Amino acid sequence: MMIRNFFSPLGLGICMVCLFICFFACEEHTEEYPEIRIGKGNGVDELTLNKLTEKCLLLSGGNGKFLVNIENSQIATAHISLDTLKVRGLLEGETFATVISHDRRVRLRIHVTFPELGVSHTTVQLRPKLISRFVSISGGGERTTLEENDPADVMDIKWDGSTGMLEIVPKYEGEAEVTAVSEDGKESKTIRICIKPDGELTIPGWYTTCETRYYVKMNNKMIVKRKGGATWIIDSARPYGGKITTYDGSHMKIAPIINPVQGDSIDLNILRYSTPKSNPEIKAGIHRLYVEEVRESEVMLRGRGFKFLLPYQK
């Protein structure tokens, strides 16, 4: 009798009402917990940070109580303090963190990258034989490398990767570069080094660039230039004067220099070089030199540890 009453039209109506009530009750129960949001505003789904650095993100949504799981704990760690997610980078790479609150969950992609590469100085000016200079190189990863561009061999460098200190030891006048390259090869910073003695050259001659100031390598008491001919540098103003009939000092004969172009390299032809020194610092013959400066009537030529200021022909 009771079974028949239960399946009567009235009983079926009561069952349907109960089912609808249960359905909407479940819906309301789900909706009362909003989606989890990581960060302020619209929130974030990705986080980038450097190795051994930590970032904090505010959490909201869910039921206000949060848990977090990290996919690869070798790359990063994550933990929650109240409503704050704290992520710390350990090793360069990518992983995911999953934040859970009640029946809500959200994933955060985590990128651990190399620290930004930086140098304390991008330009360094030095004088030969003075105290060395230190440049600090930071970031870029533990395996940051250096590339040296010093074709004239104007300096020595010492690099301590553990401290990030680069020591530059000047040798003689010239320019060079040192480029720091990050471990992943995506960043580079170039340090330009200029080494120059003190003073300016105005008198033609042959000079050393290995000292703090310019000094003549051979006394240039007499400079003889013949139009269309060679240039002579002689260390005496009277090599054949008075009672002296022979001259055993130093003299140099240089072939004509024609139309030099600043920034180019030219062949300087020393036709003759006579000196009483047993070990001359330069020999007769062709020397490839850099054209540092072209003036109205003289040209500045630079070699390794020396330079010439000489007349030229147009």
C-alpha atoms as a PDB file:
ATOM      1  CA  MET A   1       0.000   0.000   0.000  1.00  0.00           C
ATOM      2  CA  MET A   2       2.790   2.428   0.904  1.00  0.00           C
ATOM      3  CA  ILE A   3       4.736   1.528  -2.218  1.00  0.00           C
ATOM      4  CA  ARG A   4       1.783   2.412  -4.375  1.00  0.00           C
ATOM      5  CA  ASN A   5       1.464   5.772  -2.595  1.00  0.00           C
ATOM      6  CA  PHE A   6       5.168   6.532  -3.080  1.00  0.00           C
ATOM      7  CA  PHE A   7       4.912   6.139  -6.866  1.00  0.00           C
ATOM      8  CA  SER A   8       1.662   8.045  -7.048  1.00  0.00           C
ATOM      9  CA  PRO A   9       1.721  11.389  -8.921  1.00  0.00           C
ATOM     10  CA  LEU A  10       1.995  13.247  -5.636  1.00  0.00           C
ATOM     11  CA  GLY A  11       4.900  11.107  -4.487  1.00  0.00           C
ATOM     12  CA  LEU A  12       6.744  11.560  -7.739  1.00  0.00           C
ATOM     13  CA  GLY A  13       6.317  15.317  -7.499  1.00  0.00           C
ATOM     14  CA  ILE A  14       7.779  15.358  -4.004  1.00  0.00           C
ATOM     15  CA  CYS A  15      10.791  13.355  -5.218  1.00  0.00           C
ATOM     16  CA  MET A  16      11.425  15.740  -8.075  1.00  0.00           C
ATOM     17  CA  VAL A  17      11.301  18.720  -5.737  1.00  0.00           C
ATOM     18  CA  CYS A  18      13.803  17.064  -3.408  1.00  0.00           C
ATOM     19  CA  LEU A  19      16.150  16.307  -6.308  1.00  0.00           C
ATOM     20  CA  PHE A  20      16.055  19.920  -7.534  1.00  0.00           C
ATOM     21  CA  ILE A  21      16.724  21.182  -4.016  1.00  0.00           C
ATOM     22  CA  CYS A  22      19.739  18.882  -3.688  1.00  0.00           C
ATOM     23  CA  PHE A  23      21.063  19.871  -7.130  1.00  0.00           C
ATOM     24  CA  PHE A  24      20.903  23.601  -6.484  1.00  0.00           C
ATOM     25  CA  ALA A  25      22.314  23.147  -3.009  1.00  0.00           C
ATOM     26  CA  CYS A  26      25.375  21.451  -4.529  1.00  0.00           C
ATOM     27  CA  GLU A  27      25.718  24.231  -7.096  1.00  0.00           C
ATOM     28  CA  GLU A  28      25.586  26.878  -4.442  1.00  0.00           C
ATOM     29  CA  HIS A  29      28.153  24.985  -2.393  1.00  0.00           C
ATOM     30  CA  THR A  30      30.624  24.995  -5.348  1.00  0.00           C
ATOM     31  CA  GLU A  31      30.116  28.623  -6.268  1.00  0.00           C
ATOM     32  CA  GLU A  32      30.713  29.883  -2.750  1.00  0.00           C
ATOM     33  CA  TYR A  33      34.477  29.237  -3.246  1.00  0.00           C
ATOM     34  CA  PRO A  34      35.880  31.511  -5.978  1.00  0.00           C
ATOM     35  CA  GLU A  35      38.729  30.597  -8.306  1.00  0.00           C
ATOM     36  CA  ILE A  36      42.231  30.917  -6.862  1.00  0.00           C
ATOM     37  CA  ARG A  37      44.134  33.976  -8.000  1.00  0.00           C
ATOM     38  CA  ILE A  38      47.938  34.294  -7.730  1.00  0.00           C
ATOM     39  CA  GLY A  39      49.154  37.864  -7.469  1.00  0.00           C
ATOM     40  CA  LYS A  40      47.333  41.168  -7.427  1.00  0.00           C
ATOM     41  CA  GLY A  41      45.008  42.535 -10.099  1.00  0.00           C
ATOM     42  CA  ASN A  42      44.194  39.964 -12.738  1.00  0.00           C
ATOM     43  CA  GLY A  43      46.758  37.562 -11.306  1.00  0.00           C
ATOM     44  CA  VAL A  44      49.619  35.753 -13.022  1.00  0.00           C
ATOM     45  CA  ASP A  45      50.163  32.259 -14.365  1.00  0.00           C
ATOM     46  CA  GLU A  46      53.937  32.577 -14.928  1.00  0.00           C
ATOM     47  CA  LEU A  47      56.804  33.673 -12.692  1.00  0.00           C
ATOM     48  CA  THR A  48      60.412  34.406 -13.669  1.00  0.00           C
ATOM     49  CA  LEU A  49      63.157  34.738 -11.092  1.00  0.00           C
ATOM     50  CA  ASN A  50      66.906  34.267 -10.774  1.00  0.00           C
ATOM     51  CA  LYS A  51      68.815  31.539  -9.076  1.00  0.00           C
ATOM     52  CA  LEU A  52      69.065  31.961  -5.258  1.00  0.00           C
ATOM     53  CA  THR A  53      66.448  34.722  -5.263  1.00  0.00           C
ATOM     54  CA  GLU A  54      62.949  34.645  -3.749  1.00  0.00           C
ATOM     55  CA  LYS A  55      59.683  36.235  -4.833  1.00  0.00           C
ATOM     56  CA  CYS A  56      56.419  36.563  -2.906  1.00  0.00           C
ATOM     57  CA  LEU A  57      52.921  36.512  -4.418  1.00  0.00           C
ATOM     58  CA  LEU A  58      49.620  37.240  -2.693  1.00  0.00           C
ATOM     59  CA  LEU A  59      46.980  34.480  -2.890  1.00  0.00           C
ATOM     60  CA  SER A  60      43.210  34.923  -2.938  1.00  0.00           C
ATOM     61  CA  GLY A  61      40.125  32.797  -3.688  1.00  0.00           C
ATOM     62  CA  GLY A  62      39.309  29.288  -2.615  1.00  0.00           C
ATOM     63  CA  ASN A  63      38.361  29.023   1.023  1.00  0.00           C
ATOM     64  CA  GLY A  64      41.327  31.124   2.167  1.00  0.00           C
ATOM     65  CA  LYS A  65      43.399  28.107   3.176  1.00  0.00           C
ATOM     66  CA  PHE A  66      46.082  27.097   0.692  1.00  0.00           C
ATOM     67  CA  LEU A  67      48.455  24.244  -0.043  1.00  0.00           C
ATOM     68  CA  VAL A  68      51.209  24.163  -2.679  1.00  0.00           C
ATOM     69  CA  ASN A  69      53.029  21.360  -4.472  1.00  0.00           C
ATOM     70  CA  ILE A  70      56.144  21.839  -6.618  1.00  0.00           C
ATOM     71  CA  GLU A  71      56.783  19.603  -9.618  1.00  0.00           C
ATOM     72  CA  ASN A  72      60.607  19.704  -9.529  1.00  0.00           C
ATOM     73  CA  SER A  73      62.067  20.706  -6.181  1.00  0.00           C
ATOM     74  CA  GLN A  74      65.603  20.779  -7.622  1.00  0.00           C
ATOM     75  CA  ILE A  75      64.725  23.822  -9.744  1.00  0.00           C
ATOM     76  CA  ALA A  76      62.647  25.767  -7.211  1.00  0.00           C
ATOM     77  CA  THR A  77      60.967  25.526  -3.822  1.00  0.00           C
ATOM     78  CA  ALA A  78      57.567  26.904  -2.862  1.00  0.00           C
ATOM     79  CA  HIS A  79      55.799  27.293   0.456  1.00  0.00           C
ATOM     80  CA  ILE A  80      52.860  29.267   1.790  1.00  0.00           C
ATOM     81  CA  SER A  81      52.728  31.612   4.755  1.00  0.00           C
ATOM     82  CA  LEU A  82      49.092  32.565   5.480  1.00  0.00           C
ATOM     83  CA  ASP A  83      47.942  34.078   2.160  1.00  0.00           C
ATOM     84  CA  THR A  84      51.414  34.519   0.609  1.00  0.00           C
ATOM     85  CA  LEU A  85      53.146  32.170  -1.819  1.00  0.00           C
ATOM     86  CA  LYS A  86      56.948  32.273  -1.561  1.00  0.00           C
ATOM     87  CA  VAL A  87      58.978  30.851  -4.446  1.00  0.00           C
ATOM     88  CA  ARG A  88      62.780  30.499  -4.364  1.00  0.00           C
ATOM     89  CA  GLY A  89      64.911  29.662  -7.407  1.00  0.00           C
ATOM     90  CA  LEU A  90      67.544  26.960  -6.966  1.00  0.00           C
ATOM     91  CA  LEU A  91      68.694  25.914 -10.433  1.00  0.00           C
ATOM     92  CA  GLU A  92      68.202  27.331 -13.912  1.00  0.00           C
ATOM     93  CA  GLY A  93      65.270  25.660 -15.656  1.00  0.00           C
ATOM     94  CA  GLU A  94      61.460  25.408 -15.667  1.00  0.00           C
ATOM     95  CA  THR A  95      58.951  23.753 -13.366  1.00  0.00           C
ATOM     96  CA  PHE A  96      55.355  24.122 -12.112  1.00  0.00           C
ATOM     97  CA  ALA A  97      53.749  24.863  -8.753  1.00  0.00           C
ATOM     98  CA  THR A  98      50.159  23.814  -8.051  1.00  0.00           C
ATOM     99  CA  VAL A  99      48.199  25.845  -5.495  1.00  0.00           C
ATOM    100  CA  ILE A 100      45.176  24.128  -3.927  1.00  0.00           C
ATOM    101  CA  SER A 101      42.364  25.540  -1.800  1.00  0.00           C
ATOM    102  CA  HIS A 102      39.408  23.267  -1.001  1.00  0.00           C
ATOM    103  CA  ASP A 103      38.288  21.964  -4.409  1.00  0.00           C
ATOM    104  CA  ARG A 104      39.983  24.750  -6.374  1.00  0.00           C
ATOM    105  CA  ARG A 105      43.450  24.526  -7.884  1.00  0.00           C
ATOM    106  CA  VAL A 106      45.649  26.560 -10.212  1.00  0.00           C
ATOM    107  CA  ARG A 107      49.087  25.984 -11.810  1.00  0.00           C
ATOM    108  CA  LEU A 108      51.948  28.480 -11.868  1.00  0.00           C
ATOM    109  CA  ARG A 109      54.726  28.098 -14.441  1.00  0.00           C
ATOM    110  CA  ILE A 110      58.109  28.950 -12.873  1.00  0.00           C
ATOM    111  CA  HIS A 111      61.170  30.003 -14.907  1.00  0.00           C
ATOM    112  CA  VAL A 112      64.506  30.144 -13.072  1.00  0.00           C
ATOM    113  CA  THR A 113      66.943  32.132 -15.212  1.00  0.00           C
ATOM    114  CA  PHE A 114      70.542  33.316 -15.038  1.00  0.00           C
ATOM    115  CA  PRO A 115      71.039  36.619 -13.182  1.00  0.00           C
ATOM    116  CA  GLU A 116      71.389  39.621 -15.483  1.00  0.00           C
ATOM    117  CA  LEU A 117      74.970  40.135 -16.605  1.00  0.00           C
ATOM    118  CA  GLY A 118      76.585  43.382 -15.461  1.00  0.00           C
ATOM    119  CA  VAL A 119      80.011  45.070 -15.343  1.00  0.00           C
ATOM    120  CA  SER A 120      81.193  47.863 -13.063  1.00  0.00           C
ATOM    121  CA  HIS A 121      82.963  49.708 -15.935  1.00  0.00           C
ATOM    122  CA  THR A 122      82.351  49.617 -19.687  1.00  0.00           C
ATOM    123  CA  THR A 123      85.368  51.850 -20.441  1.00  0.00           C
ATOM    124  CA  VAL A 124      88.759  51.723 -18.730  1.00  0.00           C
ATOM    125  CA  GLN A 125      91.605  54.185 -19.344  1.00  0.00           C
ATOM    126  CA  LEU A 126      95.100  53.292 -18.162  1.00  0.00           C
ATOM    127  CA  ARG A 127      98.724  54.359 -18.487  1.00  0.00           C
ATOM    128  CA  PRO A 128     101.499  51.847 -19.096  1.00  0.00           C
ATOM    129  CA  LYS A 129     103.446  50.628 -16.050  1.00  0.00           C
ATOM    130  CA  LEU A 130     100.894  52.037 -13.636  1.00  0.00           C
ATOM    131  CA  ILE A 131      99.002  49.975 -11.066  1.00  0.00           C
ATOM    132  CA  SER A 132      96.533  47.482 -12.532  1.00  0.00           C
ATOM    133  CA  ARG A 133      92.792  48.122 -12.630  1.00  0.00           C
ATOM    134  CA  PHE A 134      90.003  45.864 -11.367  1.00  0.00           C
ATOM    135  CA  VAL A 135      86.589  45.517 -13.021  1.00  0.00           C
ATOM    136  CA  SER A 136      83.728  43.662 -11.331  1.00  0.00           C
ATOM    137  CA  ILE A 137      81.643  41.278 -13.453  1.00  0.00           C
ATOM    138  CA  SER A 138      78.392  40.055 -11.898  1.00  0.00           C
ATOM    139  CA  GLY A 139      75.544  37.754 -12.917  1.00  0.00           C
ATOM    140  CA  GLY A 140      75.433  35.663 -16.060  1.00  0.00           C
ATOM    141  CA  GLY A 141      75.712  32.341 -14.242  1.00  0.00           C
ATOM    142  CA  GLU A 142      78.556  30.487 -12.587  1.00  0.00           C
ATOM    143  CA  ARG A 143      80.173  29.683 -15.940  1.00  0.00           C
ATOM    144  CA  THR A 144      80.368  33.213 -17.335  1.00  0.00           C
ATOM    145  CA  THR A 145      83.228  33.314 -19.851  1.00  0.00           C
ATOM    146  CA  LEU A 146      85.518  36.039 -21.173  1.00  0.00           C
ATOM    147  CA  GLU A 147      86.505  36.729 -24.777  1.00  0.00           C
ATOM    148  CA  GLU A 148      89.648  38.825 -25.232  1.00  0.00           C
ATOM    149  CA  ASN A 149      90.193  40.988 -28.301  1.00  0.00           C
ATOM    150  CA  ASP A 150      93.766  42.262 -28.005  1.00  0.00           C
ATOM    151  CA  PRO A 151      95.508  41.878 -31.381  1.00  0.00           C
ATOM    152  CA  ALA A 152      98.373  44.209 -30.404  1.00  0.00           C
ATOM    153  CA  ASP A 153      98.942  42.464 -27.048  1.00  0.00           C
ATOM    154  CA  VAL A 154      98.704  45.749 -25.104  1.00  0.00           C
ATOM    155  CA  MET A 155      97.613  44.192 -21.783  1.00  0.00           C
ATOM    156  CA  ASP A 156      97.542  41.136 -19.566  1.00  0.00           C
ATOM    157  CA  ILE A 157      94.344  40.082 -17.804  1.00  0.00           C
ATOM    158  CA  LYS A 158      93.631  37.882 -14.795  1.00  0.00           C
ATOM    159  CA  TRP A 159      90.108  36.556 -14.258  1.00  0.00           C
ATOM    160  CA  ASP A 160      88.806  35.109 -10.982  1.00  0.00           C
ATOM    161  CA  GLY A 161      85.395  33.612 -11.698  1.00  0.00           C
ATOM    162  CA  SER A 162      84.754  32.821  -8.032  1.00  0.00           C
ATOM    163  CA  THR A 163      84.887  36.501  -7.056  1.00  0.00           C
ATOM    164  CA  GLY A 164      83.861  38.006 -10.392  1.00  0.00           C
ATOM    165  CA  MET A 165      86.948  40.253 -10.456  1.00  0.00           C
ATOM    166  CA  LEU A 166      88.844  40.980 -13.672  1.00  0.00           C
ATOM    167  CA  GLU A 167      92.338  42.470 -13.275  1.00  0.00           C
ATOM    168  CA  ILE A 168      93.734  44.466 -16.219  1.00  0.00           C
ATOM    169  CA  VAL A 169      97.507  44.991 -16.341  1.00  0.00           C
ATOM    170  CA  PRO A 170      98.583  47.626 -18.956  1.00  0.00           C
ATOM    171  CA  LYS A 171     101.730  46.995 -21.004  1.00  0.00           C
ATOM    172  CA  TYR A 172     101.927  49.719 -23.652  1.00  0.00           C
ATOM    173  CA  GLU A 173      99.764  52.065 -25.715  1.00  0.00           C
ATOM    174  CA  GLY A 174      96.832  50.675 -27.650  1.00  0.00           C
ATOM    175  CA  GLU A 175      93.203  49.605 -27.497  1.00  0.00           C
ATOM    176  CA  ALA A 176      91.671  46.288 -26.565  1.00  0.00           C
ATOM    177  CA  GLU A 177      88.348  44.769 -25.550  1.00  0.00           C
ATOM    178  CA  VAL A 178      87.173  42.138 -23.108  1.00  0.00           C
ATOM    179  CA  THR A 179      83.676  40.715 -23.596  1.00  0.00           C
ATOM    180  CA  ALA A 180      81.892  38.840 -20.801  1.00  0.00           C
ATOM    181  CA  VAL A 181      79.401  36.216 -22.068  1.00  0.00           C
ATOM    182  CA  SER A 182      76.700  34.711 -19.856  1.00  0.00           C
ATOM    183  CA  GLU A 183      76.536  30.963 -19.291  1.00  0.00           C
ATOM    184  CA  ASP A 184      73.525  30.561 -21.597  1.00  0.00           C
ATOM    185  CA  GLY A 185      75.156  32.755 -24.273  1.00  0.00           C
ATOM    186  CA  LYS A 186      72.168  35.120 -24.430  1.00  0.00           C
ATOM    187  CA  GLU A 187      73.861  38.137 -22.824  1.00  0.00           C
ATOM    188  CA  SER A 188      77.199  39.861 -23.320  1.00  0.00           C
ATOM    189  CA  LYS A 189      78.902  42.971 -21.972  1.00  0.00           C
ATOM    190  CA  THR A 190      81.987  44.547 -23.551  1.00  0.00           C
ATOM    191  CA  ILE A 191      84.691  46.407 -21.628  1.00  0.00           C
ATOM    192  CA  ARG A 192      86.782  48.747 -23.773  1.00  0.00           C
ATOM    193  CA  ILE A 193      90.356  49.370 -22.602  1.00  0.00           C
ATOM    194  CA  CYS A 194      92.408  52.353 -23.732  1.00  0.00           C
ATOM    195  CA  ILE A 195      96.076  52.507 -22.713  1.00  0.00           C
ATOM    196  CA  LYS A 196      97.925  55.749 -23.411  1.00  0.00           C
ATOM    197  CA  PRO A 197     100.984  57.478 -21.928  1.00  0.00           C
ATOM    198  CA  ASP A 198     100.685  61.021 -20.644  1.00  0.00           C
ATOM    199  CA  GLY A 199     101.623  63.924 -22.916  1.00  0.00           C
ATOM    200  CA  GLU A 200     101.336  64.862 -26.577  1.00  0.00           C
ATOM    201  CA  LEU A 201     103.820  64.371 -29.393  1.00  0.00           C
ATOM    202  CA  THR A 202     104.666  67.421 -31.501  1.00  0.00           C
ATOM    203  CA  ILE A 203     108.261  66.801 -32.638  1.00  0.00           C
ATOM    204  CA  PRO A 204     108.897  64.100 -35.276  1.00  0.00           C
ATOM    205  CA  GLY A 205     110.808  61.091 -34.029  1.00  0.00           C
ATOM    206  CA  TRP A 206     110.676  57.570 -32.635  1.00  0.00           C
ATOM    207  CA  TYR A 207     109.067  57.181 -29.189  1.00  0.00           C
ATOM    208  CA  THR A 208     108.406  54.482 -26.615  1.00  0.00           C
ATOM    209  CA  THR A 209     104.829  53.812 -25.448  1.00  0.00           C
ATOM    210  CA  CYS A 210     105.795  51.475 -22.589  1.00  0.00           C
ATOM    211  CA  GLU A 211     106.168  54.187 -19.934  1.00  0.00           C
ATOM    212  CA  THR A 212     103.747  56.486 -18.148  1.00  0.00           C
ATOM    213  CA  ARG A 213     104.966  59.306 -20.433  1.00  0.00           C
ATOM    214  CA  TYR A 214     106.310  59.397 -23.991  1.00  0.00           C
ATOM    215  CA  TYR A 215     110.101  59.192 -24.216  1.00  0.00           C
ATOM    216  CA  VAL A 216     112.313  59.221 -27.310  1.00  0.00           C
ATOM    217  CA  LYS A 217     113.837  55.870 -28.185  1.00  0.00           C
ATOM    218  CA  MET A 218     116.516  57.632 -30.231  1.00  0.00           C
ATOM    219  CA  ASN A 219     117.536  61.265 -29.838  1.00  0.00           C
ATOM    220  CA  ASN A 220     115.858  63.216 -32.622  1.00  0.00           C
ATOM    221  CA  LYS A 221     118.101  66.257 -32.595  1.00  0.00           C
ATOM    222  CA  MET A 222     118.071  66.438 -36.372  1.00  0.00           C
ATOM    223  CA  ILE A 223     115.199  65.542 -38.704  1.00  0.00           C
ATOM    224  CA  VAL A 224     116.001  65.769 -42.404  1.00  0.00           C
ATOM    225  CA  LYS A 225     113.263  65.499 -44.976  1.00  0.00           C
ATOM    226  CA  ARG A 226     113.837  65.781 -48.701  1.00  0.00           C
ATOM    227  CA  LYS A 227     110.946  66.367 -51.057  1.00  0.00           C
ATOM    228  CA  GLY A 228     110.235  63.122 -52.812  1.00  0.00           C
ATOM    229  CA  GLY A 229     112.993  61.444 -50.798  1.00  0.00           C
ATOM    230  CA  ALA A 230     113.593  59.670 -47.511  1.00  0.00           C
ATOM    231  CA  THR A 231     113.377  61.056 -43.981  1.00  0.00           C
ATOM    232  CA  TRP A 232     116.420  60.935 -41.699  1.00  0.00           C
ATOM    233  CA  ILE A 233     116.383  60.881 -37.900  1.00  0.00           C
ATOM    234  CA  ILE A 234     119.800  61.636 -36.415  1.00  0.00           C
ATOM    235  CA  ASP A 235     120.747  61.898 -32.727  1.00  0.00           C
ATOM    236  CA  SER A 236     123.210  64.761 -33.275  1.00  0.00           C
ATOM    237  CA  ALA A 237     122.803  68.231 -34.723  1.00  0.00           C
ATOM    238  CA  ARG A 238     126.397  68.137 -36.109  1.00  0.00           C
ATOM    239  CA  PRO A 239     127.157  64.537 -37.058  1.00  0.00           C
ATOM    240  CA  TYR A 240     130.019  65.558 -39.344  1.00  0.00           C
ATOM    241  CA  GLY A 241     130.988  68.970 -37.970  1.00  0.00           C
ATOM    242  CA  GLY A 242     134.220  70.306 -36.425  1.00  0.00           C
ATOM    243  CA  LYS A 243     137.222  68.040 -36.288  1.00  0.00           C
ATOM    244  CA  ILE A 244     135.077  64.925 -36.232  1.00  0.00           C
ATOM    245  CA  THR A 245     135.303  63.207 -39.592  1.00  0.00           C
ATOM    246  CA  THR A 246     133.335  60.078 -38.654  1.00  0.00           C
ATOM    247  CA  TYR A 247     130.069  59.630 -36.799  1.00  0.00           C
ATOM    248  CA  ASP A 248     129.303  56.589 -34.702  1.00  0.00           C
ATOM    249  CA  GLY A 249     125.982  57.693 -33.171  1.00  0.00           C
ATOM    250  CA  SER A 250     122.482  56.512 -34.123  1.00  0.00           C
ATOM    251  CA  HIS A 251     120.673  57.424 -37.290  1.00  0.00           C
ATOM    252  CA  MET A 252     117.703  56.070 -39.197  1.00  0.00           C
ATOM    253  CA  LYS A 253     116.660  56.421 -42.819  1.00  0.00           C
ATOM    254  CA  ILE A 254     112.946  55.923 -43.605  1.00  0.00           C
ATOM    255  CA  ALA A 255     111.380  55.575 -47.061  1.00  0.00           C
ATOM    256  CA  PRO A 256     108.786  58.210 -48.043  1.00  0.00           C
ATOM    257  CA  ILE A 257     105.266  57.867 -46.641  1.00  0.00           C
ATOM    258  CA  ILE A 258     102.610  58.800 -49.196  1.00  0.00           C
ATOM    259  CA  ASN A 259      98.961  59.686 -48.502  1.00  0.00           C
ATOM    260  CA  PRO A 260      98.375  57.759 -45.241  1.00  0.00           C
ATOM    261  CA  VAL A 261      94.744  57.218 -44.174  1.00  0.00           C
ATOM    262  CA  GLN A 262      93.778  57.384 -40.509  1.00  0.00           C
ATOM    263  CA  GLY A 263      92.573  54.024 -39.198  1.00  0.00           C
ATOM    264  CA  ASP A 264      94.409  52.012 -41.859  1.00  0.00           C
ATOM    265  CA  SER A 265      97.640  50.060 -41.533  1.00  0.00           C
ATOM    266  CA  ILE A 266     100.669  50.771 -43.705  1.00  0.00           C
ATOM    267  CA  ASP A 267     104.117  49.307 -44.292  1.00  0.00           C
ATOM    268  CA  LEU A 268     106.851  51.529 -42.871  1.00  0.00           C
ATOM    269  CA  ASN A 269     110.091  50.832 -44.715  1.00  0.00           C
ATOM    270  CA  ILE A 270     113.189  51.508 -42.603  1.00  0.00           C
ATOM    271  CA  LEU A 271     115.920  51.663 -45.217  1.00  0.00           C
ATOM    272  CA  ARG A 272     118.781  51.955 -42.772  1.00  0.00           C
ATOM    273  CA  TYR A 273     119.213  51.899 -39.008  1.00  0.00           C
ATOM    274  CA  SER A 274     122.621  52.327 -37.418  1.00  0.00           C
ATOM    275  CA  THR A 275     123.153  52.318 -33.653  1.00  0.00           C
ATOM    276  CA  PRO A 276     126.061  51.566 -31.312  1.00  0.00           C
ATOM    277  CA  LYS A 277     123.738  49.342 -29.237  1.00  0.00           C
ATOM    278  CA  SER A 278     124.529  45.643 -29.405  1.00  0.00           C
ATOM    279  CA  ASN A 279     120.848  44.684 -29.434  1.00  0.00           C
ATOM    280  CA  PRO A 280     118.870  47.186 -31.511  1.00  0.00           C
ATOM    281  CA  GLU A 281     115.159  47.472 -30.634  1.00  0.00           C
ATOM    282  CA  ILE A 282     114.160  47.680 -34.273  1.00  0.00           C
ATOM    283  CA  LYS A 283     115.756  46.497 -37.478  1.00  0.00           C
ATOM    284  CA  ALA A 284     115.869  47.763 -41.036  1.00  0.00           C
ATOM    285  CA  GLY A 285     113.072  46.387 -43.176  1.00  0.00           C
ATOM    286  CA  ILE A 286     109.274  46.512 -43.479  1.00  0.00           C
ATOM    287  CA  HIS A 287     107.166  47.109 -40.373  1.00  0.00           C
ATOM    288  CA  ARG A 288     103.366  46.954 -40.448  1.00  0.00           C
ATOM    289  CA  LEU A 289     102.084  49.883 -38.356  1.00  0.00           C
ATOM    290  CA  TYR A 290      98.697  51.341 -37.497  1.00  0.00           C
ATOM    291  CA  VAL A 291      97.878  54.873 -38.729  1.00  0.00           C
ATOM    292  CA  GLU A 292      96.669  56.489 -35.515  1.00  0.00           C
ATOM    293  CA  GLU A 293      96.481  60.116 -36.661  1.00  0.00           C
ATOM    294  CA  VAL A 294      97.052  62.115 -39.837  1.00  0.00           C
ATOM    295  CA  ARG A 295      97.963  65.774 -39.297  1.00  0.00           C
ATOM    296  CA  GLU A 296      98.604  68.580 -41.739  1.00  0.00           C
ATOM    297  CA  SER A 297     102.176  67.522 -42.438  1.00  0.00           C
ATOM    298  CA  GLU A 298     102.927  64.600 -40.073  1.00  0.00           C
ATOM    299  CA  VAL A 299     101.475  61.160 -39.527  1.00  0.00           C
ATOM    300  CA  MET A 300     101.378  59.176 -36.254  1.00  0.00           C
ATOM    301  CA  LEU A 301     102.178  55.483 -36.688  1.00  0.00           C
ATOM    302  CA  ARG A 302     101.825  53.010 -33.816  1.00  0.00           C
ATOM    303  CA  GLY A 303     103.453  49.639 -33.300  1.00  0.00           C
ATOM    304  CA  ARG A 304     103.835  47.318 -30.324  1.00  0.00           C
ATOM    305  CA  GLY A 305     105.453  49.415 -27.629  1.00  0.00           C
ATOM    306  CA  PHE A 306     106.524  52.298 -29.887  1.00  0.00           C
ATOM    307  CA  LYS A 307     105.263  54.906 -32.302  1.00  0.00           C
ATOM    308  CA  PHE A 308     106.648  57.203 -34.984  1.00  0.00           C
ATOM    309  CA  LEU A 309     105.700  60.792 -35.727  1.00  0.00           C
ATOM    310  CA  LEU A 310     106.968  61.390 -39.259  1.00  0.00           C
ATOM    311  CA  PRO A 311     106.537  63.736 -42.225  1.00  0.00           C
ATOM    312  CA  TYR A 312     104.554  62.401 -45.147  1.00  0.00           C
ATOM    313  CA  GLN A 313     103.862  63.328 -48.759  1.00  0.00           C
ATOM    314  CA  LYS A 314     100.493  64.099 -50.273  1.00  0.00           C
END
